[in-house]
């Protein structure tokens, strides 16, 4: 999180908002979630995140800087899987940007998520917000 804060820091900013997503323990039919495994095509994922940030800043020029990071691989319950930080002149702008950018990330980022259960079983999941999900 220090890296994210340093990246978005700017003397002209009066606000830095940070969102940290963590893997949560959840109960499902196949057992208790003990972790998530994320897979992605890294060059494509990086390009999509860059596009999300650039498009948002073009629409909302009061946002100064954005840090966006999504882990790939196995992430145990309680560990960080997403970090999003935004700086702006005022808190309302940075807080709204966090919400908007996170929604865009979940809808557009081509990341596949496997829920791993204590039973050893797993299930591939899509974000309900994802434009990649098949209906």
C-alpha atoms as a PDB file:
ATOM      1  CA  UNK A   1       0.000   0.000   0.000  1.00  0.00           C
ATOM      2  CA  UNK A   2       2.961   2.330   0.589  1.00  0.00           C
ATOM      3  CA  UNK A   3       3.882   1.997  -3.089  1.00  0.00           C
ATOM      4  CA  UNK A   4       0.371   3.050  -4.128  1.00  0.00           C
ATOM      5  CA  UNK A   5       0.359   6.049  -1.779  1.00  0.00           C
ATOM      6  CA  UNK A   6       3.781   7.216  -2.975  1.00  0.00           C
ATOM      7  CA  UNK A   7       2.754   6.806  -6.615  1.00  0.00           C
ATOM      8  CA  UNK A   8      -0.346   9.023  -6.329  1.00  0.00           C
ATOM      9  CA  UNK A   9       1.097  11.596  -3.924  1.00  0.00           C
ATOM     10  CA  UNK A  10       1.303  15.126  -5.255  1.00  0.00           C
ATOM     11  CA  UNK A  11       1.670  18.487  -3.489  1.00  0.00           C
ATOM     12  CA  UNK A  12      -1.367  19.778  -5.397  1.00  0.00           C
ATOM     13  CA  UNK A  13      -3.584  17.019  -3.971  1.00  0.00           C
ATOM     14  CA  UNK A  14      -5.601  17.364  -0.805  1.00  0.00           C
ATOM     15  CA  UNK A  15      -6.989  13.831  -0.917  1.00  0.00           C
ATOM     16  CA  UNK A  16      -5.759  10.309  -1.476  1.00  0.00           C
ATOM     17  CA  UNK A  17      -8.359   7.564  -1.435  1.00  0.00           C
ATOM     18  CA  UNK A  18      -7.333   3.917  -1.340  1.00  0.00           C
ATOM     19  CA  UNK A  19      -9.303   0.725  -1.874  1.00  0.00           C
ATOM     20  CA  UNK A  20      -7.784  -2.583  -0.818  1.00  0.00           C
ATOM     21  CA  UNK A  21      -9.599  -5.731  -1.920  1.00  0.00           C
ATOM     22  CA  UNK A  22      -8.895  -8.883   0.073  1.00  0.00           C
ATOM     23  CA  UNK A  23      -9.857 -12.506  -0.433  1.00  0.00           C
ATOM     24  CA  UNK A  24     -12.732 -13.290   1.915  1.00  0.00           C
ATOM     25  CA  UNK A  25     -13.655 -16.530   3.620  1.00  0.00           C
ATOM     26  CA  UNK A  26     -16.979 -17.597   2.196  1.00  0.00           C
ATOM     27  CA  UNK A  27     -19.184 -20.648   2.556  1.00  0.00           C
ATOM     28  CA  UNK A  28     -20.528 -22.399  -0.524  1.00  0.00           C
ATOM     29  CA  UNK A  29     -21.967 -25.739  -1.522  1.00  0.00           C
ATOM     30  CA  UNK A  30     -18.497 -27.215  -2.152  1.00  0.00           C
ATOM     31  CA  UNK A  31     -17.040 -26.021   1.166  1.00  0.00           C
ATOM     32  CA  UNK A  32     -15.352 -22.992   2.685  1.00  0.00           C
ATOM     33  CA  UNK A  33     -13.316 -20.722   0.416  1.00  0.00           C
ATOM     34  CA  UNK A  34      -9.653 -20.811   1.466  1.00  0.00           C
ATOM     35  CA  UNK A  35      -8.280 -18.820  -1.462  1.00  0.00           C
ATOM     36  CA  UNK A  36      -8.713 -17.508  -4.959  1.00  0.00           C
ATOM     37  CA  UNK A  37      -6.507 -18.228  -7.929  1.00  0.00           C
ATOM     38  CA  UNK A  38      -6.390 -15.516 -10.588  1.00  0.00           C
ATOM     39  CA  UNK A  39      -5.256 -16.085 -14.169  1.00  0.00           C
ATOM     40  CA  UNK A  40      -4.781 -13.474 -16.872  1.00  0.00           C
ATOM     41  CA  UNK A  41      -3.003 -12.665 -20.100  1.00  0.00           C
ATOM     42  CA  UNK A  42      -0.628 -10.105 -18.567  1.00  0.00           C
ATOM     43  CA  UNK A  43       0.031  -7.854 -21.599  1.00  0.00           C
ATOM     44  CA  UNK A  44      -3.701  -7.634 -22.337  1.00  0.00           C
ATOM     45  CA  UNK A  45      -4.578  -7.064 -18.664  1.00  0.00           C
ATOM     46  CA  UNK A  46      -1.992  -4.309 -18.337  1.00  0.00           C
ATOM     47  CA  UNK A  47      -3.283  -2.610 -21.493  1.00  0.00           C
ATOM     48  CA  UNK A  48      -6.885  -2.798 -20.268  1.00  0.00           C
ATOM     49  CA  UNK A  49      -5.968  -1.266 -16.883  1.00  0.00           C
ATOM     50  CA  UNK A  50      -4.051   1.527 -18.646  1.00  0.00           C
ATOM     51  CA  UNK A  51      -7.068   2.226 -20.885  1.00  0.00           C
ATOM     52  CA  UNK A  52      -9.456   2.284 -17.903  1.00  0.00           C
ATOM     53  CA  UNK A  53      -7.273   4.838 -16.105  1.00  0.00           C
ATOM     54  CA  UNK A  54      -6.646   7.037 -19.158  1.00  0.00           C
ATOM     55  CA  UNK A  55     -10.334   7.093 -20.129  1.00  0.00           C
ATOM     56  CA  UNK A  56     -11.382   7.974 -16.582  1.00  0.00           C
ATOM     57  CA  UNK A  57      -8.860  10.803 -16.224  1.00  0.00           C
ATOM     58  CA  UNK A  58      -9.964  12.174 -19.616  1.00  0.00           C
ATOM     59  CA  UNK A  59     -13.569  12.289 -18.308  1.00  0.00           C
ATOM     60  CA  UNK A  60     -12.609  13.529 -14.825  1.00  0.00           C
ATOM     61  CA  UNK A  61      -9.597  15.868 -15.062  1.00  0.00           C
ATOM     62  CA  UNK A  62      -9.797  16.679 -11.333  1.00  0.00           C
ATOM     63  CA  UNK A  63      -8.262  13.241 -10.701  1.00  0.00           C
ATOM     64  CA  UNK A  64      -4.514  13.770 -10.544  1.00  0.00           C
ATOM     65  CA  UNK A  65      -3.038  10.268 -10.388  1.00  0.00           C
ATOM     66  CA  UNK A  66      -4.279   6.667 -10.264  1.00  0.00           C
ATOM     67  CA  UNK A  67      -2.543   3.487  -9.073  1.00  0.00           C
ATOM     68  CA  UNK A  68      -4.205   0.200 -10.045  1.00  0.00           C
ATOM     69  CA  UNK A  69      -2.877  -3.273  -9.245  1.00  0.00           C
ATOM     70  CA  UNK A  70      -4.453  -6.740  -9.425  1.00  0.00           C
ATOM     71  CA  UNK A  71      -2.651  -9.845  -8.200  1.00  0.00           C
ATOM     72  CA  UNK A  72      -2.301 -12.926 -10.349  1.00  0.00           C
ATOM     73  CA  UNK A  73      -1.851 -16.434  -8.958  1.00  0.00           C
ATOM     74  CA  UNK A  74      -3.058 -17.875  -5.658  1.00  0.00           C
ATOM     75  CA  UNK A  75      -4.284 -15.406  -3.021  1.00  0.00           C
ATOM     76  CA  UNK A  76      -5.226 -16.861   0.374  1.00  0.00           C
ATOM     77  CA  UNK A  77      -8.096 -15.638   2.521  1.00  0.00           C
ATOM     78  CA  UNK A  78      -7.141 -12.357   4.177  1.00  0.00           C
ATOM     79  CA  UNK A  79      -4.497 -11.457   1.603  1.00  0.00           C
ATOM     80  CA  UNK A  80      -4.712  -8.444  -0.705  1.00  0.00           C
ATOM     81  CA  UNK A  81      -5.787  -9.107  -4.287  1.00  0.00           C
ATOM     82  CA  UNK A  82      -6.527  -5.559  -5.566  1.00  0.00           C
ATOM     83  CA  UNK A  83      -5.137  -2.133  -4.706  1.00  0.00           C
ATOM     84  CA  UNK A  84      -6.574   1.059  -6.171  1.00  0.00           C
ATOM     85  CA  UNK A  85      -5.390   4.527  -5.123  1.00  0.00           C
ATOM     86  CA  UNK A  86      -6.524   7.905  -6.436  1.00  0.00           C
ATOM     87  CA  UNK A  87      -5.355  11.432  -5.680  1.00  0.00           C
ATOM     88  CA  UNK A  88      -7.255  14.635  -6.313  1.00  0.00           C
ATOM     89  CA  UNK A  89      -7.688  18.098  -4.900  1.00  0.00           C
ATOM     90  CA  UNK A  90     -10.711  17.113  -2.815  1.00  0.00           C
ATOM     91  CA  UNK A  91     -11.992  13.919  -1.181  1.00  0.00           C
ATOM     92  CA  UNK A  92     -15.340  13.757  -2.991  1.00  0.00           C
ATOM     93  CA  UNK A  93     -13.563  13.423  -6.339  1.00  0.00           C
ATOM     94  CA  UNK A  94     -11.102  10.750  -5.197  1.00  0.00           C
ATOM     95  CA  UNK A  95     -13.749   8.731  -3.347  1.00  0.00           C
ATOM     96  CA  UNK A  96     -16.120   8.752  -6.325  1.00  0.00           C
ATOM     97  CA  UNK A  97     -13.217   7.822  -8.616  1.00  0.00           C
ATOM     98  CA  UNK A  98     -12.407   4.772  -6.471  1.00  0.00           C
ATOM     99  CA  UNK A  99     -15.965   3.495  -6.881  1.00  0.00           C
ATOM    100  CA  UNK A 100     -16.115   4.220 -10.612  1.00  0.00           C
ATOM    101  CA  UNK A 101     -12.673   2.795 -11.380  1.00  0.00           C
ATOM    102  CA  UNK A 102     -13.283  -0.362  -9.348  1.00  0.00           C
ATOM    103  CA  UNK A 103     -16.561  -0.962 -11.182  1.00  0.00           C
ATOM    104  CA  UNK A 104     -14.782  -0.534 -14.524  1.00  0.00           C
ATOM    105  CA  UNK A 105     -11.975  -2.853 -13.439  1.00  0.00           C
ATOM    106  CA  UNK A 106     -14.394  -5.618 -12.422  1.00  0.00           C
ATOM    107  CA  UNK A 107     -16.380  -5.230 -15.653  1.00  0.00           C
ATOM    108  CA  UNK A 108     -13.509  -4.974 -18.125  1.00  0.00           C
ATOM    109  CA  UNK A 109     -10.368  -6.652 -16.794  1.00  0.00           C
ATOM    110  CA  UNK A 110      -9.821 -10.048 -18.438  1.00  0.00           C
ATOM    111  CA  UNK A 111      -8.990 -11.948 -15.242  1.00  0.00           C
ATOM    112  CA  UNK A 112     -10.308 -15.408 -14.501  1.00  0.00           C
ATOM    113  CA  UNK A 113     -10.954 -16.378 -10.884  1.00  0.00           C
ATOM    114  CA  UNK A 114     -10.974 -19.859  -9.388  1.00  0.00           C
ATOM    115  CA  UNK A 115     -12.485 -20.278  -5.909  1.00  0.00           C
ATOM    116  CA  UNK A 116     -10.517 -22.894  -3.976  1.00  0.00           C
ATOM    117  CA  UNK A 117     -12.345 -24.716  -1.155  1.00  0.00           C
ATOM    118  CA  UNK A 118     -11.136 -26.464   1.983  1.00  0.00           C
ATOM    119  CA  UNK A 119     -12.459 -29.700   0.465  1.00  0.00           C
ATOM    120  CA  UNK A 120      -9.848 -29.437  -2.292  1.00  0.00           C
ATOM    121  CA  UNK A 121     -12.518 -28.759  -4.897  1.00  0.00           C
ATOM    122  CA  UNK A 122     -12.687 -25.534  -6.920  1.00  0.00           C
ATOM    123  CA  UNK A 123     -15.056 -23.549  -9.104  1.00  0.00           C
ATOM    124  CA  UNK A 124     -14.239 -21.044 -11.854  1.00  0.00           C
ATOM    125  CA  UNK A 125     -16.171 -17.810 -11.322  1.00  0.00           C
ATOM    126  CA  UNK A 126     -16.868 -14.628 -13.270  1.00  0.00           C
ATOM    127  CA  UNK A 127     -17.562 -11.263 -11.723  1.00  0.00           C
ATOM    128  CA  UNK A 128     -21.266 -10.537 -12.014  1.00  0.00           C
ATOM    129  CA  UNK A 129     -20.292  -7.084 -13.303  1.00  0.00           C
ATOM    130  CA  UNK A 130     -18.066  -8.508 -16.028  1.00  0.00           C
ATOM    131  CA  UNK A 131     -18.782  -7.779 -19.653  1.00  0.00           C
ATOM    132  CA  UNK A 132     -16.832 -11.006 -20.322  1.00  0.00           C
ATOM    133  CA  UNK A 133     -19.392 -13.203 -18.587  1.00  0.00           C
ATOM    134  CA  UNK A 134     -21.530 -15.351 -20.829  1.00  0.00           C
ATOM    135  CA  UNK A 135     -25.280 -15.272 -20.308  1.00  0.00           C
END
